[in-house]
PDB file of N, CA and C in Angstrom:
ATOM      1  N   UNK A   1     -22.964  -7.398   6.965  1.00  0.00           N
ATOM      2  CA  UNK A   1     -21.882  -6.453   6.736  1.00  0.00           C
ATOM      3  C   UNK A   1     -21.309  -6.725   5.349  1.00  0.00           C
ATOM      4  N   UNK A   2     -21.252  -5.706   4.531  1.00  0.00           N
ATOM      5  CA  UNK A   2     -20.653  -5.901   3.212  1.00  0.00           C
ATOM      6  C   UNK A   2     -19.142  -5.787   3.338  1.00  0.00           C
ATOM      7  N   UNK A   3     -18.453  -6.455   2.452  1.00  0.00           N
ATOM      8  CA  UNK A   3     -16.993  -6.431   2.485  1.00  0.00           C
ATOM      9  C   UNK A   3     -16.460  -6.002   1.137  1.00  0.00           C
ATOM     10  N   UNK A   4     -15.224  -5.555   1.152  1.00  0.00           N
ATOM     11  CA  UNK A   4     -14.510  -5.171  -0.056  1.00  0.00           C
ATOM     12  C   UNK A   4     -13.239  -5.998  -0.093  1.00  0.00           C
ATOM     13  N   UNK A   5     -12.921  -6.532  -1.234  1.00  0.00           N
ATOM     14  CA  UNK A   5     -11.707  -7.322  -1.393  1.00  0.00           C
ATOM     15  C   UNK A   5     -10.661  -6.482  -2.094  1.00  0.00           C
ATOM     16  N   UNK A   6      -9.437  -6.535  -1.584  1.00  0.00           N
ATOM     17  CA  UNK A   6      -8.333  -5.882  -2.276  1.00  0.00           C
ATOM     18  C   UNK A   6      -7.077  -6.696  -2.053  1.00  0.00           C
ATOM     19  N   UNK A   7      -6.101  -6.484  -2.903  1.00  0.00           N
ATOM     20  CA  UNK A   7      -4.847  -7.226  -2.844  1.00  0.00           C
ATOM     21  C   UNK A   7      -3.734  -6.335  -2.325  1.00  0.00           C
ATOM     22  N   UNK A   8      -2.789  -6.954  -1.629  1.00  0.00           N
ATOM     23  CA  UNK A   8      -1.583  -6.245  -1.212  1.00  0.00           C
ATOM     24  C   UNK A   8      -0.378  -7.067  -1.654  1.00  0.00           C
ATOM     25  N   UNK A   9       0.725  -6.400  -1.835  1.00  0.00           N
ATOM     26  CA  UNK A   9       1.976  -7.083  -2.171  1.00  0.00           C
ATOM     27  C   UNK A   9       2.888  -7.025  -0.959  1.00  0.00           C
ATOM     28  N   UNK A  10       3.491  -8.161  -0.635  1.00  0.00           N
ATOM     29  CA  UNK A  10       4.417  -8.248   0.490  1.00  0.00           C
ATOM     30  C   UNK A  10       5.692  -8.922   0.042  1.00  0.00           C
ATOM     31  N   UNK A  11       6.799  -8.574   0.673  1.00  0.00           N
ATOM     32  CA  UNK A  11       8.004  -9.364   0.419  1.00  0.00           C
ATOM     33  C   UNK A  11       7.748 -10.811   0.850  1.00  0.00           C
ATOM     34  N   UNK A  12       8.391 -11.734   0.192  1.00  0.00           N
ATOM     35  CA  UNK A  12       8.185 -13.159   0.456  1.00  0.00           C
ATOM     36  C   UNK A  12       8.377 -13.492   1.937  1.00  0.00           C
ATOM     37  N   UNK A  13       9.374 -12.881   2.578  1.00  0.00           N
ATOM     38  CA  UNK A  13       9.634 -13.191   3.988  1.00  0.00           C
ATOM     39  C   UNK A  13       8.458 -12.794   4.877  1.00  0.00           C
ATOM     40  N   UNK A  14       7.843 -11.642   4.607  1.00  0.00           N
ATOM     41  CA  UNK A  14       6.684 -11.232   5.400  1.00  0.00           C
ATOM     42  C   UNK A  14       5.484 -12.127   5.114  1.00  0.00           C
ATOM     43  N   UNK A  15       5.284 -12.472   3.847  1.00  0.00           N
ATOM     44  CA  UNK A  15       4.179 -13.369   3.498  1.00  0.00           C
ATOM     45  C   UNK A  15       4.350 -14.710   4.204  1.00  0.00           C
ATOM     46  N   UNK A  16       5.575 -15.197   4.270  1.00  0.00           N
ATOM     47  CA  UNK A  16       5.840 -16.462   4.964  1.00  0.00           C
ATOM     48  C   UNK A  16       5.518 -16.351   6.451  1.00  0.00           C
ATOM     49  N   UNK A  17       5.846 -15.211   7.056  1.00  0.00           N
ATOM     50  CA  UNK A  17       5.547 -15.018   8.477  1.00  0.00           C
ATOM     51  C   UNK A  17       4.042 -15.019   8.725  1.00  0.00           C
ATOM     52  N   UNK A  18       3.293 -14.381   7.836  1.00  0.00           N
ATOM     53  CA  UNK A  18       1.835 -14.383   7.962  1.00  0.00           C
ATOM     54  C   UNK A  18       1.322 -15.815   7.844  1.00  0.00           C
ATOM     55  N   UNK A  19       1.799 -16.538   6.848  1.00  0.00           N
ATOM     56  CA  UNK A  19       1.353 -17.917   6.642  1.00  0.00           C
ATOM     57  C   UNK A  19       1.732 -18.823   7.813  1.00  0.00           C
ATOM     58  N   UNK A  20       2.869 -18.556   8.456  1.00  0.00           N
ATOM     59  CA  UNK A  20       3.260 -19.329   9.644  1.00  0.00           C
ATOM     60  C   UNK A  20       2.267 -19.105  10.782  1.00  0.00           C
ATOM     61  N   UNK A  21       1.795 -17.869  10.930  1.00  0.00           N
ATOM     62  CA  UNK A  21       0.793 -17.582  11.960  1.00  0.00           C
ATOM     63  C   UNK A  21      -0.502 -18.345  11.685  1.00  0.00           C
ATOM     64  N   UNK A  22      -0.873 -18.416  10.428  1.00  0.00           N
ATOM     65  CA  UNK A  22      -2.085 -19.140  10.053  1.00  0.00           C
ATOM     66  C   UNK A  22      -1.893 -20.631  10.303  1.00  0.00           C
ATOM     67  N   UNK A  23      -0.743 -21.164   9.895  1.00  0.00           N
ATOM     68  CA  UNK A  23      -0.460 -22.592  10.081  1.00  0.00           C
ATOM     69  C   UNK A  23      -0.431 -22.967  11.560  1.00  0.00           C
ATOM     70  N   UNK A  24      -0.018 -22.032  12.416  1.00  0.00           N
ATOM     71  CA  UNK A  24       0.045 -22.319  13.851  1.00  0.00           C
ATOM     72  C   UNK A  24      -1.337 -22.330  14.491  1.00  0.00           C
ATOM     73  N   UNK A  25      -2.342 -21.898  13.743  1.00  0.00           N
ATOM     74  CA  UNK A  25      -3.695 -21.854  14.276  1.00  0.00           C
ATOM     75  C   UNK A  25      -4.030 -20.536  14.939  1.00  0.00           C
ATOM     76  N   UNK A  26      -3.090 -19.619  14.941  1.00  0.00           N
ATOM     77  CA  UNK A  26      -3.313 -18.312  15.559  1.00  0.00           C
ATOM     78  C   UNK A  26      -4.400 -17.527  14.822  1.00  0.00           C
ATOM     79  N   UNK A  27      -4.445 -17.692  13.507  1.00  0.00           N
ATOM     80  CA  UNK A  27      -5.437 -17.014  12.673  1.00  0.00           C
ATOM     81  C   UNK A  27      -6.002 -18.019  11.679  1.00  0.00           C
ATOM     82  N   UNK A  28      -7.246 -17.801  11.289  1.00  0.00           N
ATOM     83  CA  UNK A  28      -7.890 -18.721  10.356  1.00  0.00           C
ATOM     84  C   UNK A  28      -7.527 -18.431   8.907  1.00  0.00           C
ATOM     85  N   UNK A  29      -7.164 -17.178   8.624  1.00  0.00           N
ATOM     86  CA  UNK A  29      -6.894 -16.804   7.235  1.00  0.00           C
ATOM     87  C   UNK A  29      -6.017 -15.556   7.199  1.00  0.00           C
ATOM     88  N   UNK A  30      -5.512 -15.270   6.022  1.00  0.00           N
ATOM     89  CA  UNK A  30      -4.746 -14.032   5.843  1.00  0.00           C
ATOM     90  C   UNK A  30      -5.624 -12.820   6.125  1.00  0.00           C
ATOM     91  N   UNK A  31      -6.866 -12.880   5.672  1.00  0.00           N
ATOM     92  CA  UNK A  31      -7.783 -11.760   5.908  1.00  0.00           C
ATOM     93  C   UNK A  31      -7.955 -11.502   7.395  1.00  0.00           C
ATOM     94  N   UNK A  32      -8.119 -12.581   8.169  1.00  0.00           N
ATOM     95  CA  UNK A  32      -8.277 -12.420   9.613  1.00  0.00           C
ATOM     96  C   UNK A  32      -7.029 -11.775  10.218  1.00  0.00           C
ATOM     97  N   UNK A  33      -5.864 -12.187   9.763  1.00  0.00           N
ATOM     98  CA  UNK A  33      -4.611 -11.614  10.258  1.00  0.00           C
ATOM     99  C   UNK A  33      -4.577 -10.103  10.016  1.00  0.00           C
ATOM    100  N   UNK A  34      -4.903  -9.676   8.800  1.00  0.00           N
ATOM    101  CA  UNK A  34      -4.819  -8.251   8.486  1.00  0.00           C
ATOM    102  C   UNK A  34      -5.941  -7.451   9.139  1.00  0.00           C
ATOM    103  N   UNK A  35      -7.116  -8.062   9.336  1.00  0.00           N
ATOM    104  CA  UNK A  35      -8.166  -7.371  10.086  1.00  0.00           C
ATOM    105  C   UNK A  35      -7.699  -7.110  11.519  1.00  0.00           C
ATOM    106  N   UNK A  36      -7.010  -8.112  12.109  1.00  0.00           N
ATOM    107  CA  UNK A  36      -6.480  -7.939  13.458  1.00  0.00           C
ATOM    108  C   UNK A  36      -5.473  -6.793  13.491  1.00  0.00           C
ATOM    109  N   UNK A  37      -4.601  -6.719  12.474  1.00  0.00           N
ATOM    110  CA  UNK A  37      -3.620  -5.630  12.441  1.00  0.00           C
ATOM    111  C   UNK A  37      -4.296  -4.265  12.391  1.00  0.00           C
ATOM    112  N   UNK A  38      -5.352  -4.151  11.605  1.00  0.00           N
ATOM    113  CA  UNK A  38      -6.057  -2.871  11.519  1.00  0.00           C
ATOM    114  C   UNK A  38      -6.741  -2.532  12.838  1.00  0.00           C
ATOM    115  N   UNK A  39      -7.324  -3.546  13.497  1.00  0.00           N
ATOM    116  CA  UNK A  39      -7.929  -3.301  14.811  1.00  0.00           C
ATOM    117  C   UNK A  39      -6.866  -2.885  15.828  1.00  0.00           C
ATOM    118  N   UNK A  40      -5.715  -3.542  15.771  1.00  0.00           N
ATOM    119  CA  UNK A  40      -4.616  -3.213  16.678  1.00  0.00           C
ATOM    120  C   UNK A  40      -4.134  -1.782  16.444  1.00  0.00           C
ATOM    121  N   UNK A  41      -4.015  -1.389  15.196  1.00  0.00           N
ATOM    122  CA  UNK A  41      -3.626  -0.015  14.862  1.00  0.00           C
ATOM    123  C   UNK A  41      -4.610   0.970  15.490  1.00  0.00           C
ATOM    124  N   UNK A  42      -5.889   0.684  15.345  1.00  0.00           N
ATOM    125  CA  UNK A  42      -6.927   1.552  15.900  1.00  0.00           C
ATOM    126  C   UNK A  42      -6.808   1.613  17.424  1.00  0.00           C
ATOM    127  N   UNK A  43      -6.632   0.473  18.064  1.00  0.00           N
ATOM    128  CA  UNK A  43      -6.530   0.407  19.522  1.00  0.00           C
ATOM    129  C   UNK A  43      -5.303   1.153  20.026  1.00  0.00           C
ATOM    130  N   UNK A  44      -4.162   0.905  19.413  1.00  0.00           N
ATOM    131  CA  UNK A  44      -2.928   1.572  19.840  1.00  0.00           C
ATOM    132  C   UNK A  44      -3.053   3.076  19.681  1.00  0.00           C
ATOM    133  N   UNK A  45      -3.583   3.493  18.577  1.00  0.00           N
ATOM    134  CA  UNK A  45      -3.718   4.927  18.334  1.00  0.00           C
ATOM    135  C   UNK A  45      -4.618   5.565  19.380  1.00  0.00           C
ATOM    136  N   UNK A  46      -5.712   4.890  19.723  1.00  0.00           N
ATOM    137  CA  UNK A  46      -6.656   5.474  20.680  1.00  0.00           C
ATOM    138  C   UNK A  46      -6.179   5.377  22.122  1.00  0.00           C
ATOM    139  N   UNK A  47      -5.452   4.313  22.491  1.00  0.00           N
ATOM    140  CA  UNK A  47      -5.065   4.152  23.890  1.00  0.00           C
ATOM    141  C   UNK A  47      -3.691   4.725  24.199  1.00  0.00           C
ATOM    142  N   UNK A  48      -2.739   4.555  23.323  1.00  0.00           N
ATOM    143  CA  UNK A  48      -1.390   5.048  23.582  1.00  0.00           C
ATOM    144  C   UNK A  48      -1.301   6.528  23.259  1.00  0.00           C
ATOM    145  N   UNK A  49      -1.772   6.885  22.107  1.00  0.00           N
ATOM    146  CA  UNK A  49      -1.703   8.276  21.678  1.00  0.00           C
ATOM    147  C   UNK A  49      -2.860   9.074  22.274  1.00  0.00           C
ATOM    148  N   UNK A  50      -3.921   8.364  22.668  1.00  0.00           N
ATOM    149  CA  UNK A  50      -5.123   8.963  23.257  1.00  0.00           C
ATOM    150  C   UNK A  50      -5.766   9.993  22.330  1.00  0.00           C
ATOM    151  N   UNK A  51      -5.759   9.666  21.082  1.00  0.00           N
ATOM    152  CA  UNK A  51      -6.419  10.485  20.072  1.00  0.00           C
ATOM    153  C   UNK A  51      -7.139   9.536  19.132  1.00  0.00           C
ATOM    154  N   UNK A  52      -8.148  10.033  18.469  1.00  0.00           N
ATOM    155  CA  UNK A  52      -8.739   9.182  17.437  1.00  0.00           C
ATOM    156  C   UNK A  52      -7.689   8.869  16.374  1.00  0.00           C
ATOM    157  N   UNK A  53      -7.789   7.708  15.833  1.00  0.00           N
ATOM    158  CA  UNK A  53      -6.847   7.324  14.777  1.00  0.00           C
ATOM    159  C   UNK A  53      -6.996   8.280  13.608  1.00  0.00           C
ATOM    160  N   UNK A  54      -5.878   8.791  13.109  1.00  0.00           N
ATOM    161  CA  UNK A  54      -5.980   9.645  11.926  1.00  0.00           C
ATOM    162  C   UNK A  54      -6.467   8.804  10.757  1.00  0.00           C
ATOM    163  N   UNK A  55      -7.181   9.421   9.856  1.00  0.00           N
ATOM    164  CA  UNK A  55      -7.623   8.631   8.710  1.00  0.00           C
ATOM    165  C   UNK A  55      -6.417   8.124   7.929  1.00  0.00           C
ATOM    166  N   UNK A  56      -6.503   6.886   7.509  1.00  0.00           N
ATOM    167  CA  UNK A  56      -5.433   6.328   6.693  1.00  0.00           C
ATOM    168  C   UNK A  56      -5.547   6.906   5.299  1.00  0.00           C
ATOM    169  N   UNK A  57      -4.457   7.433   4.814  1.00  0.00           N
ATOM    170  CA  UNK A  57      -4.454   7.950   3.449  1.00  0.00           C
ATOM    171  C   UNK A  57      -3.927   6.854   2.539  1.00  0.00           C
ATOM    172  N   UNK A  58      -4.823   6.237   1.816  1.00  0.00           N
ATOM    173  CA  UNK A  58      -4.452   5.175   0.894  1.00  0.00           C
ATOM    174  C   UNK A  58      -4.434   5.757  -0.509  1.00  0.00           C
ATOM    175  N   UNK A  59      -3.273   5.757  -1.099  1.00  0.00           N
ATOM    176  CA  UNK A  59      -3.113   6.348  -2.417  1.00  0.00           C
ATOM    177  C   UNK A  59      -3.307   5.300  -3.499  1.00  0.00           C
ATOM    178  N   UNK A  60      -3.912   5.709  -4.574  1.00  0.00           N
ATOM    179  CA  UNK A  60      -4.094   4.811  -5.707  1.00  0.00           C
ATOM    180  C   UNK A  60      -2.735   4.471  -6.302  1.00  0.00           C
ATOM    181  N   UNK A  61      -2.527   3.197  -6.562  1.00  0.00           N
ATOM    182  CA  UNK A  61      -1.272   2.759  -7.168  1.00  0.00           C
ATOM    183  C   UNK A  61      -1.288   3.124  -8.645  1.00  0.00           C
ATOM    184  N   UNK A  62      -0.240   3.765  -9.091  1.00  0.00           N
ATOM    185  CA  UNK A  62      -0.102   4.108 -10.505  1.00  0.00           C
ATOM    186  C   UNK A  62       1.224   3.557 -10.995  1.00  0.00           C
ATOM    187  N   UNK A  63       1.155   2.825 -12.079  1.00  0.00           N
ATOM    188  CA  UNK A  63       2.389   2.300 -12.658  1.00  0.00           C
ATOM    189  C   UNK A  63       3.254   3.463 -13.118  1.00  0.00           C
ATOM    190  N   UNK A  64       4.533   3.361 -12.848  1.00  0.00           N
ATOM    191  CA  UNK A  64       5.487   4.393 -13.235  1.00  0.00           C
ATOM    192  C   UNK A  64       6.473   3.805 -14.233  1.00  0.00           C
ATOM    193  N   UNK A  65       6.950   4.620 -15.152  1.00  0.00           N
ATOM    194  CA  UNK A  65       7.993   4.125 -16.055  1.00  0.00           C
ATOM    195  C   UNK A  65       9.252   3.776 -15.255  1.00  0.00           C
ATOM    196  N   UNK A  66       9.858   2.664 -15.593  1.00  0.00           N
ATOM    197  CA  UNK A  66      11.077   2.245 -14.901  1.00  0.00           C
ATOM    198  C   UNK A  66      12.169   3.306 -14.993  1.00  0.00           C
ATOM    199  N   UNK A  67      12.241   3.986 -16.109  1.00  0.00           N
ATOM    200  CA  UNK A  67      13.246   5.040 -16.288  1.00  0.00           C
ATOM    201  C   UNK A  67      13.035   6.151 -15.260  1.00  0.00           C
ATOM    202  N   UNK A  68      11.784   6.480 -15.001  1.00  0.00           N
ATOM    203  CA  UNK A  68      11.470   7.506 -14.007  1.00  0.00           C
ATOM    204  C   UNK A  68      11.911   7.049 -12.609  1.00  0.00           C
ATOM    205  N   UNK A  69      11.636   5.802 -12.276  1.00  0.00           N
ATOM    206  CA  UNK A  69      12.050   5.258 -10.982  1.00  0.00           C
ATOM    207  C   UNK A  69      13.573   5.309 -10.862  1.00  0.00           C
ATOM    208  N   UNK A  70      14.249   4.861 -11.914  1.00  0.00           N
ATOM    209  CA  UNK A  70      15.715   4.856 -11.926  1.00  0.00           C
ATOM    210  C   UNK A  70      16.268   6.274 -11.758  1.00  0.00           C
ATOM    211  N   UNK A  71      15.734   7.207 -12.535  1.00  0.00           N
ATOM    212  CA  UNK A  71      16.226   8.589 -12.471  1.00  0.00           C
ATOM    213  C   UNK A  71      16.020   9.198 -11.085  1.00  0.00           C
ATOM    214  N   UNK A  72      14.863   8.945 -10.486  1.00  0.00           N
ATOM    215  CA  UNK A  72      14.589   9.513  -9.163  1.00  0.00           C
ATOM    216  C   UNK A  72      15.500   8.915  -8.100  1.00  0.00           C
ATOM    217  N   UNK A  73      15.769   7.617  -8.196  1.00  0.00           N
ATOM    218  CA  UNK A  73      16.683   6.993  -7.235  1.00  0.00           C
ATOM    219  C   UNK A  73      18.090   7.560  -7.390  1.00  0.00           C
ATOM    220  N   UNK A  74      18.542   7.703  -8.623  1.00  0.00           N
ATOM    221  CA  UNK A  74      19.887   8.238  -8.865  1.00  0.00           C
ATOM    222  C   UNK A  74      19.983   9.687  -8.397  1.00  0.00           C
ATOM    223  N   UNK A  75      18.912  10.457  -8.566  1.00  0.00           N
ATOM    224  CA  UNK A  75      18.919  11.873  -8.200  1.00  0.00           C
ATOM    225  C   UNK A  75      19.095  12.085  -6.696  1.00  0.00           C
ATOM    226  N   UNK A  76      18.744  11.086  -5.886  1.00  0.00           N
ATOM    227  CA  UNK A  76      18.911  11.243  -4.436  1.00  0.00           C
ATOM    228  C   UNK A  76      20.376  11.261  -4.035  1.00  0.00           C
ATOM    229  N   UNK A  77      21.236  10.647  -4.864  1.00  0.00           N
ATOM    230  CA  UNK A  77      22.649  10.560  -4.529  1.00  0.00           C
ATOM    231  C   UNK A  77      22.959   9.531  -3.448  1.00  0.00           C
ATOM    232  N   UNK A  78      21.964   8.771  -3.029  1.00  0.00           N
ATOM    233  CA  UNK A  78      22.135   7.803  -1.945  1.00  0.00           C
ATOM    234  C   UNK A  78      22.558   6.421  -2.432  1.00  0.00           C
ATOM    235  N   UNK A  79      22.359   6.140  -3.710  1.00  0.00           N
ATOM    236  CA  UNK A  79      22.525   4.774  -4.206  1.00  0.00           C
ATOM    237  C   UNK A  79      23.543   4.709  -5.334  1.00  0.00           C
ATOM    238  N   UNK A  80      24.275   3.615  -5.393  1.00  0.00           N
ATOM    239  CA  UNK A  80      25.211   3.411  -6.501  1.00  0.00           C
ATOM    240  C   UNK A  80      24.423   3.025  -7.750  1.00  0.00           C
ATOM    241  N   UNK A  81      25.004   3.253  -8.907  1.00  0.00           N
ATOM    242  CA  UNK A  81      24.355   2.881 -10.166  1.00  0.00           C
ATOM    243  C   UNK A  81      24.063   1.377 -10.188  1.00  0.00           C
ATOM    244  N   UNK A  82      25.025   0.571  -9.711  1.00  0.00           N
ATOM    245  CA  UNK A  82      24.841  -0.886  -9.703  1.00  0.00           C
ATOM    246  C   UNK A  82      23.622  -1.271  -8.861  1.00  0.00           C
ATOM    247  N   UNK A  83      23.479  -0.653  -7.699  1.00  0.00           N
ATOM    248  CA  UNK A  83      22.341  -0.929  -6.827  1.00  0.00           C
ATOM    249  C   UNK A  83      21.032  -0.563  -7.520  1.00  0.00           C
ATOM    250  N   UNK A  84      20.986   0.633  -8.093  1.00  0.00           N
ATOM    251  CA  UNK A  84      19.769   1.103  -8.763  1.00  0.00           C
ATOM    252  C   UNK A  84      19.415   0.185  -9.930  1.00  0.00           C
ATOM    253  N   UNK A  85      20.415  -0.206 -10.719  1.00  0.00           N
ATOM    254  CA  UNK A  85      20.157  -1.112 -11.848  1.00  0.00           C
ATOM    255  C   UNK A  85      19.576  -2.436 -11.345  1.00  0.00           C
ATOM    256  N   UNK A  86      20.077  -2.926 -10.211  1.00  0.00           N
ATOM    257  CA  UNK A  86      19.551  -4.161  -9.629  1.00  0.00           C
ATOM    258  C   UNK A  86      18.103  -4.016  -9.200  1.00  0.00           C
ATOM    259  N   UNK A  87      17.778  -2.891  -8.579  1.00  0.00           N
ATOM    260  CA  UNK A  87      16.398  -2.628  -8.166  1.00  0.00           C
ATOM    261  C   UNK A  87      15.488  -2.568  -9.384  1.00  0.00           C
ATOM    262  N   UNK A  88      15.913  -1.828 -10.400  1.00  0.00           N
ATOM    263  CA  UNK A  88      15.105  -1.676 -11.617  1.00  0.00           C
ATOM    264  C   UNK A  88      14.902  -3.034 -12.290  1.00  0.00           C
ATOM    265  N   UNK A  89      15.939  -3.866 -12.317  1.00  0.00           N
ATOM    266  CA  UNK A  89      15.807  -5.202 -12.912  1.00  0.00           C
ATOM    267  C   UNK A  89      14.776  -6.027 -12.143  1.00  0.00           C
ATOM    268  N   UNK A  90      14.793  -5.932 -10.823  1.00  0.00           N
ATOM    269  CA  UNK A  90      13.810  -6.651 -10.011  1.00  0.00           C
ATOM    270  C   UNK A  90      12.402  -6.144 -10.240  1.00  0.00           C
ATOM    271  N   UNK A  91      12.245  -4.829 -10.331  1.00  0.00           N
ATOM    272  CA  UNK A  91      10.927  -4.255 -10.592  1.00  0.00           C
ATOM    273  C   UNK A  91      10.411  -4.683 -11.962  1.00  0.00           C
ATOM    274  N   UNK A  92      11.306  -4.758 -12.917  1.00  0.00           N
ATOM    275  CA  UNK A  92      10.918  -5.177 -14.265  1.00  0.00           C
ATOM    276  C   UNK A  92      10.386  -6.611 -14.237  1.00  0.00           C
ATOM    277  N   UNK A  93      11.051  -7.482 -13.473  1.00  0.00           N
ATOM    278  CA  UNK A  93      10.592  -8.871 -13.357  1.00  0.00           C
ATOM    279  C   UNK A  93       9.231  -8.952 -12.684  1.00  0.00           C
ATOM    280  N   UNK A  94       8.992  -8.073 -11.708  1.00  0.00           N
ATOM    281  CA  UNK A  94       7.722  -8.053 -10.989  1.00  0.00           C
ATOM    282  C   UNK A  94       6.560  -7.695 -11.902  1.00  0.00           C
ATOM    283  N   UNK A  95       6.824  -6.864 -12.891  1.00  0.00           N
ATOM    284  CA  UNK A  95       5.767  -6.455 -13.810  1.00  0.00           C
ATOM    285  C   UNK A  95       4.848  -5.380 -13.267  1.00  0.00           C
ATOM    286  N   UNK A  96       5.220  -4.739 -12.155  1.00  0.00           N
ATOM    287  CA  UNK A  96       4.371  -3.712 -11.564  1.00  0.00           C
ATOM    288  C   UNK A  96       4.678  -2.312 -12.079  1.00  0.00           C
ATOM    289  N   UNK A  97       5.653  -2.213 -12.943  1.00  0.00           N
ATOM    290  CA  UNK A  97       6.046  -0.917 -13.478  1.00  0.00           C
ATOM    291  C   UNK A  97       6.027  -0.975 -14.995  1.00  0.00           C
ATOM    292  N   UNK A  98       5.897   0.181 -15.601  1.00  0.00           N
ATOM    293  CA  UNK A  98       5.861   0.281 -17.053  1.00  0.00           C
ATOM    294  C   UNK A  98       7.292   0.249 -17.565  1.00  0.00           C
ATOM    295  N   UNK A  99       7.588  -0.658 -18.480  1.00  0.00           N
ATOM    296  CA  UNK A  99       8.925  -0.721 -19.066  1.00  0.00           C
ATOM    297  C   UNK A  99       9.126   0.513 -19.923  1.00  0.00           C
ATOM    298  N   UNK A 100      10.245   1.199 -19.687  1.00  0.00           N
ATOM    299  CA  UNK A 100      10.478   2.435 -20.446  1.00  0.00           C
ATOM    300  C   UNK A 100      11.500   2.228 -21.525  1.00  0.00           C
TER     301      UNK A 100
END
């Protein structure tokens, strides 16, 4: 069976929970943990919903300008400027967005 490797980003707390499962011996590796989650998703969808699992739509990640992220968050009217600035500062540190 051929395999494909890809990376995911998780908040530190979730990554720690995954690593705790591995340390407990429940899973041999992070890959095994996530393979189990995908199998569980398939099983739940087929047994609970009683339908074939809908295809997962995985979108290509595209870096966005931080200014665009900031403007879109502010446009929702849901967040204070201070909150949005904090989010943008965190994203800038992460390096996953284009500095605008």
